[in-house]
Amino acid sequence: MLKQRIITALVLVAFFLGLLFFVPMQWFSMIVGAIILLGGWEWANLSNLNRALRFVFLAALGAALVGTARYVFDFDFSTPDIDHARQILAVACGWWALAFLWVQGYPASAMLWGNRWARGLIGLVVLVPAWLSVVILRGQEHGAWLVLFVVAVVVAADVGAYFVGRKFGKHKLAREVSPGKSWEGFFGGLAACLVLALAVSVAFQLPLKNTVLFSFGVLVTALASVIGDLVESMFKRHRGIKDSSRILPGHGGILDRLDSLTAALPVFTMAALASELPKYL
């Protein structure tokens, strides 16, 4: 099992880096869109939709992606309409703030979102902004490195939480959703991300004001990544399944690998656009 996990992880890393650094923007946008559609099939399962309705959901998701491409990019992915992008990202960020309250209130909160149609609609709000975010970031100056940095933030939050939580974890973060996570681990993850942000700030010699803003943005992104992880765990627990699918040997499904990123990407992209971050790097 461990060997299978390692091989899959290496293949995923190679695919991700190749896609990020060597694929032209138009193709990058479409390939990521295809990955999002695969995640959409899994989300339809989380929503407890039958096979026929899963295809309906995929059609709705595809239409939403095409509509977003038209609204934000006019199908020219190198020149986004930033104002239109901000509108969609603001909705996504607002959703993740609400989702955190639902996680804290689970299982009682399920009366608000437990309906399969409500979960399907939530899937659109989760997946479409994630696609939009990664495409916008990739199109920025140093865009591939910006996307890679968001991944690094998510990894730092996860690794920091794991080691600190394993050593000191006593107080449960969301007992009914993910019993293994603790508040100590949560703050350990934030601390790891703060170290990462300060290291990048020093490496690029950012002024103090920009360092503070950048570090704050990284911490908010890390917080969002935790929420993304917890939300998928909540939906899987409600659905009664362990993994979103078995498409990735040893790693579960697409959503199991992207859950944290679906929340972190819109938040980081919103912060990057607001602060004009790329011009400082």
C-alpha atoms as a PDB file:
ATOM      1  CA  MET A   1       0.000   0.000   0.000  1.00  0.00           C
ATOM      2  CA  LEU A   2       2.806   2.409   0.894  1.00  0.00           C
ATOM      3  CA  LYS A   3       4.644   1.623  -2.347  1.00  0.00           C
ATOM      4  CA  GLN A   4       1.443   2.298  -4.302  1.00  0.00           C
ATOM      5  CA  ARG A   5       0.947   5.634  -2.520  1.00  0.00           C
ATOM      6  CA  ILE A   6       4.539   6.691  -3.248  1.00  0.00           C
ATOM      7  CA  ILE A   7       4.340   5.785  -6.941  1.00  0.00           C
ATOM      8  CA  THR A   8       1.024   7.616  -7.349  1.00  0.00           C
ATOM      9  CA  ALA A   9       2.405  10.643  -5.514  1.00  0.00           C
ATOM     10  CA  LEU A  10       5.475  10.801  -7.738  1.00  0.00           C
ATOM     11  CA  VAL A  11       3.341  10.557 -10.885  1.00  0.00           C
ATOM     12  CA  LEU A  12       1.024  13.292  -9.603  1.00  0.00           C
ATOM     13  CA  VAL A  13       3.935  15.597  -8.769  1.00  0.00           C
ATOM     14  CA  ALA A  14       5.520  15.083 -12.183  1.00  0.00           C
ATOM     15  CA  PHE A  15       2.194  15.676 -13.947  1.00  0.00           C
ATOM     16  CA  PHE A  16       1.457  18.787 -11.866  1.00  0.00           C
ATOM     17  CA  LEU A  17       4.873  20.387 -12.428  1.00  0.00           C
ATOM     18  CA  GLY A  18       4.822  19.606 -16.132  1.00  0.00           C
ATOM     19  CA  LEU A  19       1.326  21.059 -16.484  1.00  0.00           C
ATOM     20  CA  LEU A  20       2.210  24.125 -14.451  1.00  0.00           C
ATOM     21  CA  PHE A  21       5.501  25.097 -16.074  1.00  0.00           C
ATOM     22  CA  PHE A  22       5.442  23.732 -19.611  1.00  0.00           C
ATOM     23  CA  VAL A  23       1.867  23.725 -20.932  1.00  0.00           C
ATOM     24  CA  PRO A  24       0.619  26.833 -22.817  1.00  0.00           C
ATOM     25  CA  MET A  25      -2.051  28.899 -21.089  1.00  0.00           C
ATOM     26  CA  GLN A  26      -4.978  27.854 -23.303  1.00  0.00           C
ATOM     27  CA  TRP A  27      -4.219  24.161 -22.878  1.00  0.00           C
ATOM     28  CA  PHE A  28      -3.522  24.630 -19.172  1.00  0.00           C
ATOM     29  CA  SER A  29      -6.985  26.144 -18.689  1.00  0.00           C
ATOM     30  CA  MET A  30      -8.704  23.304 -20.525  1.00  0.00           C
ATOM     31  CA  ILE A  31      -6.748  20.521 -18.810  1.00  0.00           C
ATOM     32  CA  VAL A  32      -7.460  21.980 -15.378  1.00  0.00           C
ATOM     33  CA  GLY A  33     -11.102  22.266 -16.446  1.00  0.00           C
ATOM     34  CA  ALA A  34     -11.104  18.554 -17.276  1.00  0.00           C
ATOM     35  CA  ILE A  35      -9.659  17.783 -13.828  1.00  0.00           C
ATOM     36  CA  ILE A  36     -12.380  19.899 -12.254  1.00  0.00           C
ATOM     37  CA  LEU A  37     -14.996  17.903 -14.168  1.00  0.00           C
ATOM     38  CA  LEU A  38     -13.518  14.684 -12.757  1.00  0.00           C
ATOM     39  CA  GLY A  39     -13.804  16.240  -9.322  1.00  0.00           C
ATOM     40  CA  GLY A  40     -17.374  17.184 -10.213  1.00  0.00           C
ATOM     41  CA  TRP A  41     -18.247  13.535 -10.825  1.00  0.00           C
ATOM     42  CA  GLU A  42     -16.993  12.770  -7.320  1.00  0.00           C
ATOM     43  CA  TRP A  43     -18.896  15.727  -5.880  1.00  0.00           C
ATOM     44  CA  ALA A  44     -22.073  14.378  -7.460  1.00  0.00           C
ATOM     45  CA  ASN A  45     -21.435  11.177  -5.515  1.00  0.00           C
ATOM     46  CA  LEU A  46     -20.931  13.183  -2.310  1.00  0.00           C
ATOM     47  CA  SER A  47     -24.273  14.823  -3.075  1.00  0.00           C
ATOM     48  CA  ASN A  48     -25.897  11.378  -3.277  1.00  0.00           C
ATOM     49  CA  LEU A  49     -27.050  11.906  -6.865  1.00  0.00           C
ATOM     50  CA  ASN A  50     -27.905   8.805  -8.863  1.00  0.00           C
ATOM     51  CA  ARG A  51     -25.993   8.003 -12.048  1.00  0.00           C
ATOM     52  CA  ALA A  52     -28.343   9.882 -14.372  1.00  0.00           C
ATOM     53  CA  LEU A  53     -28.372  12.981 -12.172  1.00  0.00           C
ATOM     54  CA  ARG A  54     -24.573  12.904 -11.973  1.00  0.00           C
ATOM     55  CA  PHE A  55     -24.458  13.512 -15.710  1.00  0.00           C
ATOM     56  CA  VAL A  56     -26.919  16.375 -15.245  1.00  0.00           C
ATOM     57  CA  PHE A  57     -24.629  17.828 -12.582  1.00  0.00           C
ATOM     58  CA  LEU A  58     -21.601  17.441 -14.855  1.00  0.00           C
ATOM     59  CA  ALA A  59     -23.458  19.252 -17.630  1.00  0.00           C
ATOM     60  CA  ALA A  60     -24.322  22.079 -15.223  1.00  0.00           C
ATOM     61  CA  LEU A  61     -20.719  22.250 -14.029  1.00  0.00           C
ATOM     62  CA  GLY A  62     -19.408  22.285 -17.595  1.00  0.00           C
ATOM     63  CA  ALA A  63     -21.844  25.051 -18.512  1.00  0.00           C
ATOM     64  CA  ALA A  64     -20.763  27.036 -15.445  1.00  0.00           C
ATOM     65  CA  LEU A  65     -17.096  26.681 -16.403  1.00  0.00           C
ATOM     66  CA  VAL A  66     -17.780  27.792 -19.979  1.00  0.00           C
ATOM     67  CA  GLY A  67     -19.905  30.700 -18.733  1.00  0.00           C
ATOM     68  CA  THR A  68     -17.139  31.758 -16.352  1.00  0.00           C
ATOM     69  CA  ALA A  69     -14.557  31.527 -19.141  1.00  0.00           C
ATOM     70  CA  ARG A  70     -16.754  33.820 -21.230  1.00  0.00           C
ATOM     71  CA  TYR A  71     -17.579  36.236 -18.398  1.00  0.00           C
ATOM     72  CA  VAL A  72     -14.054  36.650 -17.016  1.00  0.00           C
ATOM     73  CA  PHE A  73     -11.756  35.875 -19.937  1.00  0.00           C
ATOM     74  CA  ASP A  74     -13.886  36.166 -23.079  1.00  0.00           C
ATOM     75  CA  PHE A  75     -12.064  32.878 -23.862  1.00  0.00           C
ATOM     76  CA  ASP A  76      -8.707  34.703 -23.936  1.00  0.00           C
ATOM     77  CA  PHE A  77      -7.150  33.267 -20.800  1.00  0.00           C
ATOM     78  CA  SER A  78      -4.191  35.623 -20.778  1.00  0.00           C
ATOM     79  CA  THR A  79      -6.349  38.742 -20.268  1.00  0.00           C
ATOM     80  CA  PRO A  80      -8.908  38.319 -17.475  1.00  0.00           C
ATOM     81  CA  ASP A  81     -11.463  40.946 -16.531  1.00  0.00           C
ATOM     82  CA  ILE A  82     -10.291  41.500 -12.956  1.00  0.00           C
ATOM     83  CA  ASP A  83     -13.518  43.166 -11.791  1.00  0.00           C
ATOM     84  CA  HIS A  84     -15.587  40.227 -13.016  1.00  0.00           C
ATOM     85  CA  ALA A  85     -13.132  37.806 -11.439  1.00  0.00           C
ATOM     86  CA  ARG A  86     -13.365  39.569  -8.095  1.00  0.00           C
ATOM     87  CA  GLN A  87     -17.149  39.242  -8.116  1.00  0.00           C
ATOM     88  CA  ILE A  88     -16.959  35.460  -8.417  1.00  0.00           C
ATOM     89  CA  LEU A  89     -14.081  35.143  -5.952  1.00  0.00           C
ATOM     90  CA  ALA A  90     -15.949  37.282  -3.398  1.00  0.00           C
ATOM     91  CA  VAL A  91     -18.864  34.849  -3.556  1.00  0.00           C
ATOM     92  CA  ALA A  92     -16.455  31.935  -3.056  1.00  0.00           C
ATOM     93  CA  CYS A  93     -14.742  33.562  -0.075  1.00  0.00           C
ATOM     94  CA  GLY A  94     -18.119  34.330   1.496  1.00  0.00           C
ATOM     95  CA  TRP A  95     -19.163  30.715   1.001  1.00  0.00           C
ATOM     96  CA  TRP A  96     -16.075  29.377   2.784  1.00  0.00           C
ATOM     97  CA  ALA A  97     -16.721  31.672   5.752  1.00  0.00           C
ATOM     98  CA  LEU A  98     -20.252  30.252   5.971  1.00  0.00           C
ATOM     99  CA  ALA A  99     -18.948  26.712   5.534  1.00  0.00           C
ATOM    100  CA  PHE A 100     -16.749  27.089   8.616  1.00  0.00           C
ATOM    101  CA  LEU A 101     -19.858  27.810  10.692  1.00  0.00           C
ATOM    102  CA  TRP A 102     -21.550  24.733   9.230  1.00  0.00           C
ATOM    103  CA  VAL A 103     -18.564  22.570  10.148  1.00  0.00           C
ATOM    104  CA  GLN A 104     -18.664  23.836  13.711  1.00  0.00           C
ATOM    105  CA  GLY A 105     -22.398  23.182  13.859  1.00  0.00           C
ATOM    106  CA  TYR A 106     -22.343  19.663  12.378  1.00  0.00           C
ATOM    107  CA  PRO A 107     -24.431  17.465  12.546  1.00  0.00           C
ATOM    108  CA  ALA A 108     -27.187  19.973  13.345  1.00  0.00           C
ATOM    109  CA  SER A 109     -26.124  22.148  10.390  1.00  0.00           C
ATOM    110  CA  ALA A 110     -26.935  19.303   7.982  1.00  0.00           C
ATOM    111  CA  MET A 111     -30.556  20.451   8.009  1.00  0.00           C
ATOM    112  CA  LEU A 112     -29.363  23.482   6.001  1.00  0.00           C
ATOM    113  CA  TRP A 113     -27.287  21.674   3.384  1.00  0.00           C
ATOM    114  CA  GLY A 114     -28.125  17.971   3.648  1.00  0.00           C
ATOM    115  CA  ASN A 115     -30.531  18.043   0.700  1.00  0.00           C
ATOM    116  CA  ARG A 116     -28.822  16.559  -2.352  1.00  0.00           C
ATOM    117  CA  TRP A 117     -29.763  19.530  -4.528  1.00  0.00           C
ATOM    118  CA  ALA A 118     -28.261  21.930  -2.000  1.00  0.00           C
ATOM    119  CA  ARG A 119     -25.052  19.897  -1.969  1.00  0.00           C
ATOM    120  CA  GLY A 120     -25.005  19.922  -5.758  1.00  0.00           C
ATOM    121  CA  LEU A 121     -25.312  23.713  -5.825  1.00  0.00           C
ATOM    122  CA  ILE A 122     -22.531  23.971  -3.244  1.00  0.00           C
ATOM    123  CA  GLY A 123     -20.372  21.894  -5.577  1.00  0.00           C
ATOM    124  CA  LEU A 124     -20.645  24.583  -8.246  1.00  0.00           C
ATOM    125  CA  VAL A 125     -19.664  27.270  -5.738  1.00  0.00           C
ATOM    126  CA  VAL A 126     -16.650  25.184  -4.683  1.00  0.00           C
ATOM    127  CA  LEU A 127     -15.347  23.924  -8.030  1.00  0.00           C
ATOM    128  CA  VAL A 128     -15.901  26.819 -10.443  1.00  0.00           C
ATOM    129  CA  PRO A 129     -14.017  29.448  -8.367  1.00  0.00           C
ATOM    130  CA  ALA A 130     -11.206  26.945  -7.785  1.00  0.00           C
ATOM    131  CA  TRP A 131     -10.764  26.618 -11.561  1.00  0.00           C
ATOM    132  CA  LEU A 132     -11.028  30.378 -12.034  1.00  0.00           C
ATOM    133  CA  SER A 133      -8.456  31.026  -9.318  1.00  0.00           C
ATOM    134  CA  VAL A 134      -5.771  28.701 -10.609  1.00  0.00           C
ATOM    135  CA  VAL A 135      -6.194  29.991 -14.182  1.00  0.00           C
ATOM    136  CA  ILE A 136      -5.959  33.625 -13.060  1.00  0.00           C
ATOM    137  CA  LEU A 137      -2.893  32.941 -10.922  1.00  0.00           C
ATOM    138  CA  ARG A 138      -1.194  31.000 -13.687  1.00  0.00           C
ATOM    139  CA  GLY A 139      -1.711  33.934 -16.058  1.00  0.00           C
ATOM    140  CA  GLN A 140      -0.038  36.437 -13.730  1.00  0.00           C
ATOM    141  CA  GLU A 141       3.605  37.414 -13.837  1.00  0.00           C
ATOM    142  CA  HIS A 142       5.486  34.587 -12.090  1.00  0.00           C
ATOM    143  CA  GLY A 143       2.117  32.811 -12.222  1.00  0.00           C
ATOM    144  CA  ALA A 144       3.404  29.238 -12.127  1.00  0.00           C
ATOM    145  CA  TRP A 145       5.394  30.048  -8.996  1.00  0.00           C
ATOM    146  CA  LEU A 146       2.345  31.679  -7.401  1.00  0.00           C
ATOM    147  CA  VAL A 147       0.315  28.509  -7.904  1.00  0.00           C
ATOM    148  CA  LEU A 148       3.182  26.439  -6.560  1.00  0.00           C
ATOM    149  CA  PHE A 149       3.366  28.731  -3.539  1.00  0.00           C
ATOM    150  CA  VAL A 150      -0.313  28.167  -2.719  1.00  0.00           C
ATOM    151  CA  VAL A 151       0.361  24.435  -2.828  1.00  0.00           C
ATOM    152  CA  ALA A 152       3.327  24.998  -0.506  1.00  0.00           C
ATOM    153  CA  VAL A 153       1.095  26.884   1.937  1.00  0.00           C
ATOM    154  CA  VAL A 154      -1.398  24.018   1.970  1.00  0.00           C
ATOM    155  CA  VAL A 155       1.378  21.458   2.486  1.00  0.00           C
ATOM    156  CA  ALA A 156       2.958  23.546   5.268  1.00  0.00           C
ATOM    157  CA  ALA A 157      -0.396  23.867   7.038  1.00  0.00           C
ATOM    158  CA  ASP A 158      -0.982  20.124   6.744  1.00  0.00           C
ATOM    159  CA  VAL A 159       2.516  19.061   7.820  1.00  0.00           C
ATOM    160  CA  GLY A 160       2.675  21.563  10.685  1.00  0.00           C
ATOM    161  CA  ALA A 161      -0.746  20.459  11.923  1.00  0.00           C
ATOM    162  CA  TYR A 162       0.200  16.795  11.723  1.00  0.00           C
ATOM    163  CA  PHE A 163       3.406  16.978  13.739  1.00  0.00           C
ATOM    164  CA  VAL A 164       2.236  19.508  16.318  1.00  0.00           C
ATOM    165  CA  GLY A 165      -1.129  17.786  16.690  1.00  0.00           C
ATOM    166  CA  ARG A 166       0.523  14.410  17.103  1.00  0.00           C
ATOM    167  CA  LYS A 167       2.820  15.737  19.823  1.00  0.00           C
ATOM    168  CA  PHE A 168       0.580  18.176  21.687  1.00  0.00           C
ATOM    169  CA  GLY A 169      -2.977  17.697  20.388  1.00  0.00           C
ATOM    170  CA  LYS A 170      -5.575  17.494  23.154  1.00  0.00           C
ATOM    171  CA  HIS A 171      -8.449  19.806  22.222  1.00  0.00           C
ATOM    172  CA  LYS A 172     -10.552  18.647  19.266  1.00  0.00           C
ATOM    173  CA  LEU A 173     -10.971  21.097  16.397  1.00  0.00           C
ATOM    174  CA  ALA A 174     -14.161  19.561  14.982  1.00  0.00           C
ATOM    175  CA  ARG A 175     -14.924  16.387  16.910  1.00  0.00           C
ATOM    176  CA  GLU A 176     -17.981  15.357  14.869  1.00  0.00           C
ATOM    177  CA  VAL A 177     -16.320  15.960  11.502  1.00  0.00           C
ATOM    178  CA  SER A 178     -12.667  14.967  11.843  1.00  0.00           C
ATOM    179  CA  PRO A 179     -11.820  13.588  15.312  1.00  0.00           C
ATOM    180  CA  GLY A 180      -8.104  13.396  14.530  1.00  0.00           C
ATOM    181  CA  LYS A 181      -7.662  17.166  14.150  1.00  0.00           C
ATOM    182  CA  SER A 182      -6.886  19.358  17.138  1.00  0.00           C
ATOM    183  CA  TRP A 183      -6.669  23.063  17.882  1.00  0.00           C
ATOM    184  CA  GLU A 184      -3.016  22.590  18.788  1.00  0.00           C
ATOM    185  CA  GLY A 185      -2.381  21.093  15.366  1.00  0.00           C
ATOM    186  CA  PHE A 186      -4.346  23.894  13.729  1.00  0.00           C
ATOM    187  CA  PHE A 187      -2.128  26.556  15.317  1.00  0.00           C
ATOM    188  CA  GLY A 188       0.949  24.479  14.537  1.00  0.00           C
ATOM    189  CA  GLY A 189      -0.049  24.550  10.881  1.00  0.00           C
ATOM    190  CA  LEU A 190      -0.535  28.311  10.988  1.00  0.00           C
ATOM    191  CA  ALA A 191       2.890  28.706  12.601  1.00  0.00           C
ATOM    192  CA  ALA A 192       4.493  26.656   9.819  1.00  0.00           C
ATOM    193  CA  CYS A 193       2.812  28.851   7.206  1.00  0.00           C
ATOM    194  CA  LEU A 194       3.956  32.008   8.980  1.00  0.00           C
ATOM    195  CA  VAL A 195       7.552  30.741   8.878  1.00  0.00           C
ATOM    196  CA  LEU A 196       7.116  30.046   5.164  1.00  0.00           C
ATOM    197  CA  ALA A 197       5.716  33.541   4.543  1.00  0.00           C
ATOM    198  CA  LEU A 198       8.559  35.213   6.449  1.00  0.00           C
ATOM    199  CA  ALA A 199      11.151  33.131   4.608  1.00  0.00           C
ATOM    200  CA  VAL A 200       9.714  34.184   1.235  1.00  0.00           C
ATOM    201  CA  SER A 201       9.533  37.821   2.371  1.00  0.00           C
ATOM    202  CA  VAL A 202      13.196  37.777   3.357  1.00  0.00           C
ATOM    203  CA  ALA A 203      14.206  36.006   0.146  1.00  0.00           C
ATOM    204  CA  PHE A 204      12.474  38.656  -1.983  1.00  0.00           C
ATOM    205  CA  GLN A 205      13.429  41.512   0.357  1.00  0.00           C
ATOM    206  CA  LEU A 206       9.865  42.745   0.732  1.00  0.00           C
ATOM    207  CA  PRO A 207       9.392  46.013   2.670  1.00  0.00           C
ATOM    208  CA  LEU A 208       7.986  45.642   6.180  1.00  0.00           C
ATOM    209  CA  LYS A 209       4.496  46.780   5.181  1.00  0.00           C
ATOM    210  CA  ASN A 210       4.349  44.282   2.330  1.00  0.00           C
ATOM    211  CA  THR A 211       5.753  41.537   4.555  1.00  0.00           C
ATOM    212  CA  VAL A 212       2.958  42.099   7.084  1.00  0.00           C
ATOM    213  CA  LEU A 213       0.266  42.102   4.397  1.00  0.00           C
ATOM    214  CA  PHE A 214       1.776  39.093   2.655  1.00  0.00           C
ATOM    215  CA  SER A 215       2.036  37.127   5.906  1.00  0.00           C
ATOM    216  CA  PHE A 216      -1.559  37.973   6.790  1.00  0.00           C
ATOM    217  CA  GLY A 217      -2.701  36.773   3.370  1.00  0.00           C
ATOM    218  CA  VAL A 218      -0.784  33.521   3.809  1.00  0.00           C
ATOM    219  CA  LEU A 219      -2.357  32.909   7.227  1.00  0.00           C
ATOM    220  CA  VAL A 220      -5.860  33.521   5.861  1.00  0.00           C
ATOM    221  CA  THR A 221      -5.075  31.167   2.972  1.00  0.00           C
ATOM    222  CA  ALA A 222      -3.909  28.514   5.458  1.00  0.00           C
ATOM    223  CA  LEU A 223      -7.105  28.960   7.466  1.00  0.00           C
ATOM    224  CA  ALA A 224      -9.148  28.513   4.295  1.00  0.00           C
ATOM    225  CA  SER A 225      -7.232  25.326   3.433  1.00  0.00           C
ATOM    226  CA  VAL A 226      -8.206  23.824   6.782  1.00  0.00           C
ATOM    227  CA  ILE A 227     -11.842  24.727   6.171  1.00  0.00           C
ATOM    228  CA  GLY A 228     -11.718  23.127   2.730  1.00  0.00           C
ATOM    229  CA  ASP A 229     -10.399  19.904   4.227  1.00  0.00           C
ATOM    230  CA  LEU A 230     -13.024  19.895   6.973  1.00  0.00           C
ATOM    231  CA  VAL A 231     -15.898  20.615   4.597  1.00  0.00           C
ATOM    232  CA  GLU A 232     -15.130  17.629   2.395  1.00  0.00           C
ATOM    233  CA  SER A 233     -14.696  15.482   5.511  1.00  0.00           C
ATOM    234  CA  MET A 234     -18.112  16.676   6.690  1.00  0.00           C
ATOM    235  CA  PHE A 235     -19.763  15.811   3.378  1.00  0.00           C
ATOM    236  CA  LYS A 236     -18.071  12.390   3.267  1.00  0.00           C
ATOM    237  CA  ARG A 237     -19.140  11.648   6.831  1.00  0.00           C
ATOM    238  CA  HIS A 238     -22.703  12.669   6.019  1.00  0.00           C
ATOM    239  CA  ARG A 239     -22.608  10.491   2.892  1.00  0.00           C
ATOM    240  CA  GLY A 240     -21.062   7.597   4.824  1.00  0.00           C
ATOM    241  CA  ILE A 241     -17.967   7.137   2.652  1.00  0.00           C
ATOM    242  CA  LYS A 242     -14.231   7.301   3.367  1.00  0.00           C
ATOM    243  CA  ASP A 243     -12.893   8.530   0.005  1.00  0.00           C
ATOM    244  CA  SER A 244     -14.497  10.603  -2.732  1.00  0.00           C
ATOM    245  CA  SER A 245     -13.499   7.842  -5.209  1.00  0.00           C
ATOM    246  CA  ARG A 246     -10.659   5.396  -5.923  1.00  0.00           C
ATOM    247  CA  ILE A 247      -9.353   6.959  -9.101  1.00  0.00           C
ATOM    248  CA  LEU A 248      -5.904   7.613  -7.570  1.00  0.00           C
ATOM    249  CA  PRO A 249      -4.383   4.360  -6.270  1.00  0.00           C
ATOM    250  CA  GLY A 250      -3.550   4.720  -2.607  1.00  0.00           C
ATOM    251  CA  HIS A 251      -4.797   8.305  -2.472  1.00  0.00           C
ATOM    252  CA  GLY A 252      -8.557   8.084  -2.968  1.00  0.00           C
ATOM    253  CA  GLY A 253     -10.160  10.563  -5.332  1.00  0.00           C
ATOM    254  CA  ILE A 254      -9.453  13.878  -7.011  1.00  0.00           C
ATOM    255  CA  LEU A 255     -11.332  15.767  -4.310  1.00  0.00           C
ATOM    256  CA  ASP A 256      -9.350  14.008  -1.582  1.00  0.00           C
ATOM    257  CA  ARG A 257      -6.233  15.665  -3.021  1.00  0.00           C
ATOM    258  CA  LEU A 258      -7.821  19.004  -3.897  1.00  0.00           C
ATOM    259  CA  ASP A 259     -10.133  19.632  -0.943  1.00  0.00           C
ATOM    260  CA  SER A 260      -7.818  22.104   0.804  1.00  0.00           C
ATOM    261  CA  LEU A 261      -6.850  23.804  -2.467  1.00  0.00           C
ATOM    262  CA  THR A 262     -10.457  24.438  -3.492  1.00  0.00           C
ATOM    263  CA  ALA A 263     -10.706  26.820  -0.534  1.00  0.00           C
ATOM    264  CA  ALA A 264      -7.132  28.123  -0.439  1.00  0.00           C
ATOM    265  CA  LEU A 265      -6.954  29.127  -4.110  1.00  0.00           C
ATOM    266  CA  PRO A 266      -9.866  31.621  -4.203  1.00  0.00           C
ATOM    267  CA  VAL A 267      -8.756  33.249  -0.946  1.00  0.00           C
ATOM    268  CA  PHE A 268      -5.127  33.602  -2.042  1.00  0.00           C
ATOM    269  CA  THR A 269      -6.117  34.821  -5.508  1.00  0.00           C
ATOM    270  CA  MET A 270      -8.444  37.424  -4.031  1.00  0.00           C
ATOM    271  CA  ALA A 271      -5.630  38.634  -1.758  1.00  0.00           C
ATOM    272  CA  ALA A 272      -3.098  38.620  -4.602  1.00  0.00           C
ATOM    273  CA  LEU A 273      -5.354  40.704  -6.846  1.00  0.00           C
ATOM    274  CA  ALA A 274      -6.171  43.145  -4.049  1.00  0.00           C
ATOM    275  CA  SER A 275      -2.526  43.675  -3.109  1.00  0.00           C
ATOM    276  CA  GLU A 276      -1.048  43.408  -6.623  1.00  0.00           C
ATOM    277  CA  LEU A 277       1.280  40.813  -5.121  1.00  0.00           C
ATOM    278  CA  PRO A 278       2.923  39.584  -8.366  1.00  0.00           C
ATOM    279  CA  LYS A 279       4.643  42.906  -9.012  1.00  0.00           C
ATOM    280  CA  TYR A 280       6.528  42.597  -5.705  1.00  0.00           C
ATOM    281  CA  LEU A 281       7.989  39.180  -6.504  1.00  0.00           C
END
